[in-house]
Amino acid sequence: MSYSRFLQYVHYFYPGVRLTRTAEDVCDCCVRIDIQLKQPDLSDDERQSLHLKKQMHLDSAMGQRRFISSFMKSYSALHAPEQSLPKCIIPDTYDAAEDYGGGIFIPYYGHVRPLADFFNSNLILQNFVVVDISNGVNNVYFYDERAQGKYANALCSLRLNYHLSIISRAKHNEVAPPEVSFSILDNCVGQSKSKAVLMFFAFRSVVFPYKKVVLCYLLPGHSHNIADRVISWLYRVSF
């Protein structure tokens, strides 16, 4: 997915030209707003307006497509229930980002250093994060290191438990489950790209009611998965 058609075009017609990617994904609108936010003479109202504009710019495309999809489904079900929906209508999708977040030592001292003669064998709480981008909900699974590890099989069991809860919640609310599952994964060979993980997502595409299961792997080396940001926020919280 990271190899775009533009790069293929350049490599085919101009084999002597070498293109490099930027260190992070940026767009002209976001860069322009970030430059304006760095101005020291901005008032609080102007700064708040720019922040809202940037957030609206990031969320507007997804929101518009979700609205059109929901409107077309409800309108067709009300006025033409026997009509089959055309394929061009965007189906309901479930967007999520997931990653292993690391371990948290218990007890947690923060920035306070214990006494020199204090000895403690710390218990490590492992955590696995699933960020529900569609609904704006973060799900953090904490578990004891003695009960389960952080390898692919362990994380796939947490993934299975989470998606079973999604299907169960949809059934309880008497709504149709999502048709497309779109997952953003870090470029980790053991936890996100191993044989066990790929077999699990293939299993989901067959057994679960998803019509399509899409995996989007971030570029290696400089990826900042949203799941990692959730864990960094947890580290800053006082226990």
C-alpha atoms as a PDB file:
ATOM      1  CA  MET A   1       0.000   0.000   0.000  1.00  0.00           C
ATOM      2  CA  SER A   2       2.939   2.340   0.551  1.00  0.00           C
ATOM      3  CA  TYR A   3       4.175   1.920  -3.034  1.00  0.00           C
ATOM      4  CA  SER A   4       2.088   4.486  -4.905  1.00  0.00           C
ATOM      5  CA  ARG A   5       1.272   4.577  -8.594  1.00  0.00           C
ATOM      6  CA  PHE A   6       3.142   7.857  -8.935  1.00  0.00           C
ATOM      7  CA  LEU A   7       6.395   6.186  -7.877  1.00  0.00           C
ATOM      8  CA  GLN A   8       5.757   3.364 -10.331  1.00  0.00           C
ATOM      9  CA  TYR A   9       5.173   5.932 -13.084  1.00  0.00           C
ATOM     10  CA  VAL A  10       8.411   7.785 -12.312  1.00  0.00           C
ATOM     11  CA  HIS A  11      10.494   4.604 -12.072  1.00  0.00           C
ATOM     12  CA  TYR A  12       9.147   3.377 -15.408  1.00  0.00           C
ATOM     13  CA  PHE A  13       9.531   6.542 -17.499  1.00  0.00           C
ATOM     14  CA  TYR A  14      12.444   8.142 -15.622  1.00  0.00           C
ATOM     15  CA  PRO A  15      14.613   5.276 -14.331  1.00  0.00           C
ATOM     16  CA  GLY A  16      17.457   7.649 -13.438  1.00  0.00           C
ATOM     17  CA  VAL A  17      15.343   9.682 -10.993  1.00  0.00           C
ATOM     18  CA  ARG A  18      15.285   8.594  -7.358  1.00  0.00           C
ATOM     19  CA  LEU A  19      12.485   9.812  -5.128  1.00  0.00           C
ATOM     20  CA  THR A  20      12.460   9.711  -1.335  1.00  0.00           C
ATOM     21  CA  ARG A  21       9.510   9.869   1.023  1.00  0.00           C
ATOM     22  CA  THR A  22       9.093  12.465   3.731  1.00  0.00           C
ATOM     23  CA  ALA A  23       9.736  11.539   7.331  1.00  0.00           C
ATOM     24  CA  GLU A  24       6.042  11.889   8.163  1.00  0.00           C
ATOM     25  CA  ASP A  25       2.744  12.088   6.344  1.00  0.00           C
ATOM     26  CA  VAL A  26       1.850  15.743   5.780  1.00  0.00           C
ATOM     27  CA  CYS A  27      -0.540  17.724   3.614  1.00  0.00           C
ATOM     28  CA  ASP A  28      -0.537  21.342   2.483  1.00  0.00           C
ATOM     29  CA  CYS A  29      -3.494  22.314   4.662  1.00  0.00           C
ATOM     30  CA  CYS A  30      -2.000  20.857   7.852  1.00  0.00           C
ATOM     31  CA  VAL A  31       1.415  22.433   7.179  1.00  0.00           C
ATOM     32  CA  ARG A  32      -0.140  25.846   6.550  1.00  0.00           C
ATOM     33  CA  ILE A  33      -2.155  25.676   9.775  1.00  0.00           C
ATOM     34  CA  ASP A  34       0.886  24.498  11.776  1.00  0.00           C
ATOM     35  CA  ILE A  35       2.913  27.454  10.470  1.00  0.00           C
ATOM     36  CA  GLN A  36       0.152  29.861  11.482  1.00  0.00           C
ATOM     37  CA  LEU A  37      -0.050  28.314  14.950  1.00  0.00           C
ATOM     38  CA  LYS A  38       3.655  29.064  15.527  1.00  0.00           C
ATOM     39  CA  GLN A  39       3.062  32.811  15.215  1.00  0.00           C
ATOM     40  CA  PRO A  40       3.499  34.418  18.663  1.00  0.00           C
ATOM     41  CA  ASP A  41       0.987  37.255  18.110  1.00  0.00           C
ATOM     42  CA  LEU A  42      -2.058  35.010  17.697  1.00  0.00           C
ATOM     43  CA  SER A  43      -4.974  35.630  20.014  1.00  0.00           C
ATOM     44  CA  ASP A  44      -6.630  32.811  21.936  1.00  0.00           C
ATOM     45  CA  ASP A  45      -9.708  32.940  19.700  1.00  0.00           C
ATOM     46  CA  GLU A  46      -7.626  32.744  16.528  1.00  0.00           C
ATOM     47  CA  ARG A  47      -5.566  29.870  17.913  1.00  0.00           C
ATOM     48  CA  GLN A  48      -8.695  27.957  18.925  1.00  0.00           C
ATOM     49  CA  SER A  49     -10.221  28.592  15.505  1.00  0.00           C
ATOM     50  CA  LEU A  50      -7.129  27.176  13.776  1.00  0.00           C
ATOM     51  CA  HIS A  51      -7.180  24.068  15.986  1.00  0.00           C
ATOM     52  CA  LEU A  52     -10.846  23.491  15.172  1.00  0.00           C
ATOM     53  CA  LYS A  53     -10.160  24.013  11.483  1.00  0.00           C
ATOM     54  CA  LYS A  54      -7.364  21.447  11.502  1.00  0.00           C
ATOM     55  CA  GLN A  55      -9.479  18.904  13.371  1.00  0.00           C
ATOM     56  CA  MET A  56     -12.378  19.471  10.975  1.00  0.00           C
ATOM     57  CA  HIS A  57     -10.015  19.042   8.043  1.00  0.00           C
ATOM     58  CA  LEU A  58      -8.877  15.657   9.352  1.00  0.00           C
ATOM     59  CA  ASP A  59     -12.340  14.332  10.251  1.00  0.00           C
ATOM     60  CA  SER A  60     -14.535  15.831   7.518  1.00  0.00           C
ATOM     61  CA  ALA A  61     -13.819  13.251   4.807  1.00  0.00           C
ATOM     62  CA  MET A  62     -14.578  10.266   7.042  1.00  0.00           C
ATOM     63  CA  GLY A  63     -17.637  11.964   8.533  1.00  0.00           C
ATOM     64  CA  GLN A  64     -19.130  12.819   5.148  1.00  0.00           C
ATOM     65  CA  ARG A  65     -18.742   9.267   3.874  1.00  0.00           C
ATOM     66  CA  ARG A  66     -20.267   7.802   7.019  1.00  0.00           C
ATOM     67  CA  PHE A  67     -23.228  10.187   6.738  1.00  0.00           C
ATOM     68  CA  ILE A  68     -23.885   9.399   3.076  1.00  0.00           C
ATOM     69  CA  SER A  69     -23.610   5.671   3.731  1.00  0.00           C
ATOM     70  CA  SER A  70     -26.049   5.820   6.652  1.00  0.00           C
ATOM     71  CA  PHE A  71     -28.457   8.087   4.764  1.00  0.00           C
ATOM     72  CA  MET A  72     -28.562   5.868   1.676  1.00  0.00           C
ATOM     73  CA  LYS A  73     -29.133   2.735   3.730  1.00  0.00           C
ATOM     74  CA  SER A  74     -31.955   4.210   5.815  1.00  0.00           C
ATOM     75  CA  TYR A  75     -33.584   5.890   2.794  1.00  0.00           C
ATOM     76  CA  SER A  76     -33.514   2.699   0.720  1.00  0.00           C
ATOM     77  CA  ALA A  77     -34.808   0.587   3.601  1.00  0.00           C
ATOM     78  CA  LEU A  78     -37.713   2.999   4.133  1.00  0.00           C
ATOM     79  CA  HIS A  79     -38.805   3.701   0.553  1.00  0.00           C
ATOM     80  CA  ALA A  80     -37.517   0.699  -1.414  1.00  0.00           C
ATOM     81  CA  PRO A  81     -36.822  -2.259   0.890  1.00  0.00           C
ATOM     82  CA  GLU A  82     -36.843  -4.683  -2.034  1.00  0.00           C
ATOM     83  CA  GLN A  83     -34.200  -2.741  -3.968  1.00  0.00           C
ATOM     84  CA  SER A  84     -30.655  -4.086  -3.880  1.00  0.00           C
ATOM     85  CA  LEU A  85     -28.073  -1.467  -3.012  1.00  0.00           C
ATOM     86  CA  PRO A  86     -25.532  -0.750  -5.771  1.00  0.00           C
ATOM     87  CA  LYS A  87     -21.887  -1.555  -5.165  1.00  0.00           C
ATOM     88  CA  CYS A  88     -20.868   2.088  -5.459  1.00  0.00           C
ATOM     89  CA  ILE A  89     -22.434   2.860  -2.065  1.00  0.00           C
ATOM     90  CA  ILE A  90     -19.739   2.968   0.580  1.00  0.00           C
ATOM     91  CA  PRO A  91     -20.384   0.201   3.124  1.00  0.00           C
ATOM     92  CA  ASP A  92     -20.181   0.713   6.845  1.00  0.00           C
ATOM     93  CA  THR A  93     -16.616   0.183   7.955  1.00  0.00           C
ATOM     94  CA  TYR A  94     -14.971  -0.396  11.293  1.00  0.00           C
ATOM     95  CA  ASP A  95     -11.643   1.449  11.564  1.00  0.00           C
ATOM     96  CA  ALA A  96      -9.279   0.425  14.337  1.00  0.00           C
ATOM     97  CA  ALA A  97      -5.609   0.735  15.246  1.00  0.00           C
ATOM     98  CA  GLU A  98      -4.054  -1.896  17.476  1.00  0.00           C
ATOM     99  CA  ASP A  99      -0.639  -2.535  18.934  1.00  0.00           C
ATOM    100  CA  TYR A 100       1.181  -4.000  21.908  1.00  0.00           C
ATOM    101  CA  GLY A 101       1.813  -1.058  24.196  1.00  0.00           C
ATOM    102  CA  GLY A 102       4.594  -2.390  26.420  1.00  0.00           C
ATOM    103  CA  GLY A 103       4.720  -3.047  30.138  1.00  0.00           C
ATOM    104  CA  ILE A 104       3.998  -0.998  33.256  1.00  0.00           C
ATOM    105  CA  PHE A 105       5.949  -1.785  36.416  1.00  0.00           C
ATOM    106  CA  ILE A 106       3.943  -2.252  39.603  1.00  0.00           C
ATOM    107  CA  PRO A 107       4.313  -0.562  42.037  1.00  0.00           C
ATOM    108  CA  TYR A 108       4.703   2.602  40.031  1.00  0.00           C
ATOM    109  CA  TYR A 109       6.870   5.279  41.609  1.00  0.00           C
ATOM    110  CA  GLY A 110       6.662   7.923  38.920  1.00  0.00           C
ATOM    111  CA  HIS A 111       9.524  10.387  39.406  1.00  0.00           C
ATOM    112  CA  VAL A 112      10.000   9.421  43.081  1.00  0.00           C
ATOM    113  CA  ARG A 113      12.994   7.212  43.770  1.00  0.00           C
ATOM    114  CA  PRO A 114      12.602   4.523  46.478  1.00  0.00           C
ATOM    115  CA  LEU A 115      15.032   4.125  49.371  1.00  0.00           C
ATOM    116  CA  ALA A 116      18.488   2.724  48.694  1.00  0.00           C
ATOM    117  CA  ASP A 117      17.899  -0.343  50.870  1.00  0.00           C
ATOM    118  CA  PHE A 118      14.505  -1.107  49.324  1.00  0.00           C
ATOM    119  CA  PHE A 119      14.343  -4.242  47.192  1.00  0.00           C
ATOM    120  CA  ASN A 120      11.300  -5.227  45.221  1.00  0.00           C
ATOM    121  CA  SER A 121      10.749  -7.661  42.382  1.00  0.00           C
ATOM    122  CA  ASN A 122       8.440  -5.586  40.245  1.00  0.00           C
ATOM    123  CA  LEU A 123       5.371  -7.117  38.683  1.00  0.00           C
ATOM    124  CA  ILE A 124       4.958  -6.083  35.067  1.00  0.00           C
ATOM    125  CA  LEU A 125       1.482  -5.436  33.710  1.00  0.00           C
ATOM    126  CA  GLN A 126       1.463  -6.026  29.978  1.00  0.00           C
ATOM    127  CA  ASN A 127      -1.037  -4.109  27.885  1.00  0.00           C
ATOM    128  CA  PHE A 128      -2.606  -4.385  24.466  1.00  0.00           C
ATOM    129  CA  VAL A 129      -4.391  -1.407  22.923  1.00  0.00           C
ATOM    130  CA  VAL A 130      -7.219  -1.317  20.393  1.00  0.00           C
ATOM    131  CA  VAL A 131      -8.178   2.200  19.314  1.00  0.00           C
ATOM    132  CA  ASP A 132     -11.708   2.386  17.893  1.00  0.00           C
ATOM    133  CA  ILE A 133     -11.277   5.199  15.375  1.00  0.00           C
ATOM    134  CA  SER A 134     -14.857   4.914  14.099  1.00  0.00           C
ATOM    135  CA  ASN A 135     -16.413   5.593  17.512  1.00  0.00           C
ATOM    136  CA  GLY A 136     -13.528   7.393  19.200  1.00  0.00           C
ATOM    137  CA  VAL A 137     -13.079   4.837  21.997  1.00  0.00           C
ATOM    138  CA  ASN A 138      -9.789   3.464  23.347  1.00  0.00           C
ATOM    139  CA  ASN A 139      -9.669  -0.066  24.754  1.00  0.00           C
ATOM    140  CA  VAL A 140      -6.621  -0.974  26.843  1.00  0.00           C
ATOM    141  CA  TYR A 141      -6.247  -4.593  27.988  1.00  0.00           C
ATOM    142  CA  PHE A 142      -4.059  -5.043  31.075  1.00  0.00           C
ATOM    143  CA  TYR A 143      -2.898  -8.514  32.006  1.00  0.00           C
ATOM    144  CA  ASP A 144      -0.330 -10.113  34.283  1.00  0.00           C
ATOM    145  CA  GLU A 145       2.960 -11.097  32.649  1.00  0.00           C
ATOM    146  CA  ARG A 146       2.720 -14.475  34.440  1.00  0.00           C
ATOM    147  CA  ALA A 147      -0.611 -15.268  32.738  1.00  0.00           C
ATOM    148  CA  GLN A 148       0.120 -14.326  29.139  1.00  0.00           C
ATOM    149  CA  GLY A 149       3.003 -13.090  27.045  1.00  0.00           C
ATOM    150  CA  LYS A 150       3.332 -10.541  24.260  1.00  0.00           C
ATOM    151  CA  TYR A 151       3.954 -12.912  21.354  1.00  0.00           C
ATOM    152  CA  ALA A 152       1.633 -13.341  18.362  1.00  0.00           C
ATOM    153  CA  ASN A 153      -0.586 -16.114  19.761  1.00  0.00           C
ATOM    154  CA  ALA A 154      -1.249 -14.191  22.970  1.00  0.00           C
ATOM    155  CA  LEU A 155      -2.123 -10.972  21.174  1.00  0.00           C
ATOM    156  CA  CYS A 156      -4.362 -12.795  18.686  1.00  0.00           C
ATOM    157  CA  SER A 157      -6.403 -14.147  21.599  1.00  0.00           C
ATOM    158  CA  LEU A 158      -6.916 -10.554  22.771  1.00  0.00           C
ATOM    159  CA  ARG A 159      -7.841  -9.516  19.241  1.00  0.00           C
ATOM    160  CA  LEU A 160     -10.363 -12.362  19.044  1.00  0.00           C
ATOM    161  CA  ASN A 161     -11.899 -11.396  22.380  1.00  0.00           C
ATOM    162  CA  TYR A 162     -12.254  -7.780  21.260  1.00  0.00           C
ATOM    163  CA  HIS A 163     -13.914  -8.527  17.917  1.00  0.00           C
ATOM    164  CA  LEU A 164     -16.256 -11.038  19.547  1.00  0.00           C
ATOM    165  CA  SER A 165     -17.389  -8.230  21.839  1.00  0.00           C
ATOM    166  CA  ILE A 166     -18.008  -6.010  18.784  1.00  0.00           C
ATOM    167  CA  ILE A 167     -20.265  -8.640  17.192  1.00  0.00           C
ATOM    168  CA  SER A 168     -22.019  -9.346  20.498  1.00  0.00           C
ATOM    169  CA  ARG A 169     -22.667  -5.640  21.068  1.00  0.00           C
ATOM    170  CA  ALA A 170     -24.136  -5.241  17.583  1.00  0.00           C
ATOM    171  CA  LYS A 171     -26.446  -8.206  18.174  1.00  0.00           C
ATOM    172  CA  HIS A 172     -27.521  -6.844  21.561  1.00  0.00           C
ATOM    173  CA  ASN A 173     -28.332  -3.431  20.041  1.00  0.00           C
ATOM    174  CA  GLU A 174     -30.142  -5.124  17.120  1.00  0.00           C
ATOM    175  CA  VAL A 175     -27.988  -3.385  14.516  1.00  0.00           C
ATOM    176  CA  ALA A 176     -26.099  -4.825  11.598  1.00  0.00           C
ATOM    177  CA  PRO A 177     -22.412  -5.526  12.266  1.00  0.00           C
ATOM    178  CA  PRO A 178     -19.777  -3.634  10.248  1.00  0.00           C
ATOM    179  CA  GLU A 179     -19.201  -4.896   6.728  1.00  0.00           C
ATOM    180  CA  VAL A 180     -15.556  -3.869   6.383  1.00  0.00           C
ATOM    181  CA  SER A 181     -12.844  -4.156   9.026  1.00  0.00           C
ATOM    182  CA  PHE A 182      -9.919  -1.757   8.478  1.00  0.00           C
ATOM    183  CA  SER A 183      -6.998  -2.258  10.863  1.00  0.00           C
ATOM    184  CA  ILE A 184      -3.917  -0.048  11.185  1.00  0.00           C
ATOM    185  CA  LEU A 185      -0.946  -2.077  12.407  1.00  0.00           C
ATOM    186  CA  ASP A 186       2.620  -1.282  13.327  1.00  0.00           C
ATOM    187  CA  ASN A 187       5.349  -2.824  11.167  1.00  0.00           C
ATOM    188  CA  CYS A 188       6.343  -5.402  13.777  1.00  0.00           C
ATOM    189  CA  VAL A 189       7.248  -8.819  12.392  1.00  0.00           C
ATOM    190  CA  GLY A 190       6.500 -10.825  15.530  1.00  0.00           C
ATOM    191  CA  GLN A 191       3.289  -9.193  16.746  1.00  0.00           C
ATOM    192  CA  SER A 192       1.664  -7.886  13.559  1.00  0.00           C
ATOM    193  CA  LYS A 193       3.200  -9.617  10.514  1.00  0.00           C
ATOM    194  CA  SER A 194       3.883 -13.168  11.666  1.00  0.00           C
ATOM    195  CA  LYS A 195       2.243 -16.272  10.242  1.00  0.00           C
ATOM    196  CA  ALA A 196      -0.039 -16.596  13.263  1.00  0.00           C
ATOM    197  CA  VAL A 197      -1.291 -13.018  12.890  1.00  0.00           C
ATOM    198  CA  LEU A 198      -1.980 -13.334   9.165  1.00  0.00           C
ATOM    199  CA  MET A 199      -3.778 -16.637   9.754  1.00  0.00           C
ATOM    200  CA  PHE A 200      -5.905 -14.950  12.411  1.00  0.00           C
ATOM    201  CA  PHE A 201      -7.011 -12.155  10.067  1.00  0.00           C
ATOM    202  CA  ALA A 202      -7.730 -14.734   7.356  1.00  0.00           C
ATOM    203  CA  PHE A 203      -9.822 -16.601   9.944  1.00  0.00           C
ATOM    204  CA  ARG A 204     -11.741 -13.389  10.660  1.00  0.00           C
ATOM    205  CA  SER A 205     -12.505 -12.866   6.976  1.00  0.00           C
ATOM    206  CA  VAL A 206     -14.068 -16.348   6.780  1.00  0.00           C
ATOM    207  CA  VAL A 207     -15.837 -16.834  10.129  1.00  0.00           C
ATOM    208  CA  PHE A 208     -16.821 -13.288  11.090  1.00  0.00           C
ATOM    209  CA  PRO A 209     -19.558 -11.386   9.199  1.00  0.00           C
ATOM    210  CA  TYR A 210     -17.025  -8.971   7.680  1.00  0.00           C
ATOM    211  CA  LYS A 211     -17.238  -8.883   3.904  1.00  0.00           C
ATOM    212  CA  LYS A 212     -13.716  -7.480   3.695  1.00  0.00           C
ATOM    213  CA  VAL A 213     -10.791  -7.400   6.127  1.00  0.00           C
ATOM    214  CA  VAL A 214      -8.168  -4.773   5.248  1.00  0.00           C
ATOM    215  CA  LEU A 215      -4.752  -4.483   6.907  1.00  0.00           C
ATOM    216  CA  CYS A 216      -2.722  -1.274   6.643  1.00  0.00           C
ATOM    217  CA  TYR A 217       0.876  -1.578   7.853  1.00  0.00           C
ATOM    218  CA  LEU A 218       2.704   1.617   8.747  1.00  0.00           C
ATOM    219  CA  LEU A 219       6.123   2.275   7.291  1.00  0.00           C
ATOM    220  CA  PRO A 220       8.946   0.895   9.461  1.00  0.00           C
ATOM    221  CA  GLY A 221      11.340   3.100  11.343  1.00  0.00           C
ATOM    222  CA  HIS A 222       9.281   6.211  12.002  1.00  0.00           C
ATOM    223  CA  SER A 223       5.717   5.039  12.541  1.00  0.00           C
ATOM    224  CA  HIS A 224       3.752   6.617  15.374  1.00  0.00           C
ATOM    225  CA  ASN A 225       0.783   4.339  15.879  1.00  0.00           C
ATOM    226  CA  ILE A 226      -2.134   5.907  17.709  1.00  0.00           C
ATOM    227  CA  ALA A 227      -2.061   2.954  20.104  1.00  0.00           C
ATOM    228  CA  ASP A 228       1.427   4.032  21.219  1.00  0.00           C
ATOM    229  CA  ARG A 229       0.096   7.517  21.935  1.00  0.00           C
ATOM    230  CA  VAL A 230      -2.571   6.051  24.209  1.00  0.00           C
ATOM    231  CA  ILE A 231       0.099   4.232  26.214  1.00  0.00           C
ATOM    232  CA  SER A 232       2.279   7.348  26.444  1.00  0.00           C
ATOM    233  CA  TRP A 233      -0.746   9.142  27.891  1.00  0.00           C
ATOM    234  CA  LEU A 234      -1.169   6.348  30.453  1.00  0.00           C
ATOM    235  CA  TYR A 235       2.446   6.752  31.555  1.00  0.00           C
ATOM    236  CA  ARG A 236       1.796  10.428  32.270  1.00  0.00           C
ATOM    237  CA  VAL A 237      -1.247   9.690  34.437  1.00  0.00           C
ATOM    238  CA  SER A 238      -0.655   9.461  38.171  1.00  0.00           C
ATOM    239  CA  PHE A 239      -1.514   5.992  39.444  1.00  0.00           C
END
